[in-house]
């Protein structure tokens, strides 16, 4: 699997995490905890960990060279 797949997967998890934090901030409602049995439930903790790992992965996007910029330079 290429980086593009992992980038999209991690961004999707970050969006889920961001929506969840928005719900916590606005409504004091943790959707992940509600779906998976509380904040200390194994599945909830797994989702929280996956979101955190996704954040670390996506932070590398800030420091990567744009893969398509080389193609554009060679064409132009």
C-alpha atoms as a PDB file:
ATOM      1  CA  UNK A   1       0.000   0.000   0.000  1.00  0.00           C
ATOM      2  CA  UNK A   2       1.309   3.401  -0.905  1.00  0.00           C
ATOM      3  CA  UNK A   3       1.580   6.538   1.198  1.00  0.00           C
ATOM      4  CA  UNK A   4      -1.493   8.022  -0.454  1.00  0.00           C
ATOM      5  CA  UNK A   5      -3.671   5.292   1.056  1.00  0.00           C
ATOM      6  CA  UNK A   6      -2.188   5.825   4.542  1.00  0.00           C
ATOM      7  CA  UNK A   7      -2.478   9.603   4.187  1.00  0.00           C
ATOM      8  CA  UNK A   8      -6.181   9.349   3.338  1.00  0.00           C
ATOM      9  CA  UNK A   9      -6.850   6.806   6.086  1.00  0.00           C
ATOM     10  CA  UNK A  10      -5.101   8.945   8.686  1.00  0.00           C
ATOM     11  CA  UNK A  11      -6.847  12.107   7.534  1.00  0.00           C
ATOM     12  CA  UNK A  12     -10.184  10.291   7.799  1.00  0.00           C
ATOM     13  CA  UNK A  13      -9.384   9.235  11.358  1.00  0.00           C
ATOM     14  CA  UNK A  14      -8.365  12.797  12.200  1.00  0.00           C
ATOM     15  CA  UNK A  15     -11.661  14.101  10.845  1.00  0.00           C
ATOM     16  CA  UNK A  16     -13.515  11.596  13.034  1.00  0.00           C
ATOM     17  CA  UNK A  17     -11.423  12.680  16.011  1.00  0.00           C
ATOM     18  CA  UNK A  18     -12.007  16.346  15.255  1.00  0.00           C
ATOM     19  CA  UNK A  19     -15.755  15.878  15.009  1.00  0.00           C
ATOM     20  CA  UNK A  20     -15.709  13.938  18.268  1.00  0.00           C
ATOM     21  CA  UNK A  21     -13.768  16.718  20.034  1.00  0.00           C
ATOM     22  CA  UNK A  22     -16.193  19.269  18.612  1.00  0.00           C
ATOM     23  CA  UNK A  23     -19.095  17.314  20.080  1.00  0.00           C
ATOM     24  CA  UNK A  24     -17.284  17.150  23.427  1.00  0.00           C
ATOM     25  CA  UNK A  25     -16.610  20.884  23.379  1.00  0.00           C
ATOM     26  CA  UNK A  26     -20.054  22.002  22.280  1.00  0.00           C
ATOM     27  CA  UNK A  27     -22.393  19.413  23.780  1.00  0.00           C
ATOM     28  CA  UNK A  28     -20.207  17.598  26.354  1.00  0.00           C
ATOM     29  CA  UNK A  29     -20.981  14.412  24.404  1.00  0.00           C
ATOM     30  CA  UNK A  30     -18.228  11.922  23.553  1.00  0.00           C
ATOM     31  CA  UNK A  31     -19.559   9.977  20.556  1.00  0.00           C
ATOM     32  CA  UNK A  32     -16.700   7.464  20.570  1.00  0.00           C
ATOM     33  CA  UNK A  33     -17.253   6.653  24.243  1.00  0.00           C
ATOM     34  CA  UNK A  34     -20.997   6.441  23.687  1.00  0.00           C
ATOM     35  CA  UNK A  35     -20.605   4.054  20.741  1.00  0.00           C
ATOM     36  CA  UNK A  36     -18.029   1.784  22.336  1.00  0.00           C
ATOM     37  CA  UNK A  37     -18.991   1.611  26.005  1.00  0.00           C
ATOM     38  CA  UNK A  38     -17.325   4.501  27.824  1.00  0.00           C
ATOM     39  CA  UNK A  39     -13.986   6.263  27.748  1.00  0.00           C
ATOM     40  CA  UNK A  40     -12.160   3.395  29.440  1.00  0.00           C
ATOM     41  CA  UNK A  41     -13.589   0.650  27.202  1.00  0.00           C
ATOM     42  CA  UNK A  42     -11.012  -1.180  25.114  1.00  0.00           C
ATOM     43  CA  UNK A  43     -12.597  -0.203  21.781  1.00  0.00           C
ATOM     44  CA  UNK A  44     -12.841   3.469  22.766  1.00  0.00           C
ATOM     45  CA  UNK A  45      -9.218   3.515  23.825  1.00  0.00           C
ATOM     46  CA  UNK A  46      -8.246   1.823  20.555  1.00  0.00           C
ATOM     47  CA  UNK A  47     -10.025   4.550  18.570  1.00  0.00           C
ATOM     48  CA  UNK A  48      -8.345   7.279  20.658  1.00  0.00           C
ATOM     49  CA  UNK A  49      -4.935   5.663  20.066  1.00  0.00           C
ATOM     50  CA  UNK A  50      -5.567   5.330  16.317  1.00  0.00           C
ATOM     51  CA  UNK A  51      -6.529   9.013  16.122  1.00  0.00           C
ATOM     52  CA  UNK A  52      -3.340   9.958  17.996  1.00  0.00           C
ATOM     53  CA  UNK A  53      -1.168   7.816  15.704  1.00  0.00           C
ATOM     54  CA  UNK A  54      -2.942   9.382  12.725  1.00  0.00           C
ATOM     55  CA  UNK A  55      -2.084  12.849  14.028  1.00  0.00           C
ATOM     56  CA  UNK A  56       1.588  11.899  14.241  1.00  0.00           C
ATOM     57  CA  UNK A  57       1.476  10.419  10.726  1.00  0.00           C
ATOM     58  CA  UNK A  58      -0.276  13.483   9.287  1.00  0.00           C
ATOM     59  CA  UNK A  59       2.235  15.817  10.937  1.00  0.00           C
ATOM     60  CA  UNK A  60       4.770  14.385   8.481  1.00  0.00           C
ATOM     61  CA  UNK A  61       2.695  15.892   5.655  1.00  0.00           C
ATOM     62  CA  UNK A  62       4.001  19.300   6.703  1.00  0.00           C
ATOM     63  CA  UNK A  63       7.587  18.262   6.049  1.00  0.00           C
ATOM     64  CA  UNK A  64       7.249  16.129   2.924  1.00  0.00           C
ATOM     65  CA  UNK A  65       8.147  17.361  -0.525  1.00  0.00           C
ATOM     66  CA  UNK A  66       5.120  17.562  -2.747  1.00  0.00           C
ATOM     67  CA  UNK A  67       5.347  14.475  -4.958  1.00  0.00           C
ATOM     68  CA  UNK A  68       3.514  16.194  -7.806  1.00  0.00           C
ATOM     69  CA  UNK A  69       5.681  19.320  -7.805  1.00  0.00           C
ATOM     70  CA  UNK A  70       8.482  17.446  -9.600  1.00  0.00           C
ATOM     71  CA  UNK A  71       6.056  16.317 -12.300  1.00  0.00           C
ATOM     72  CA  UNK A  72       4.800  19.866 -12.823  1.00  0.00           C
ATOM     73  CA  UNK A  73       8.359  21.231 -13.070  1.00  0.00           C
ATOM     74  CA  UNK A  74       9.350  18.674 -15.694  1.00  0.00           C
ATOM     75  CA  UNK A  75       6.230  19.320 -17.763  1.00  0.00           C
ATOM     76  CA  UNK A  76       6.499  23.109 -17.643  1.00  0.00           C
END
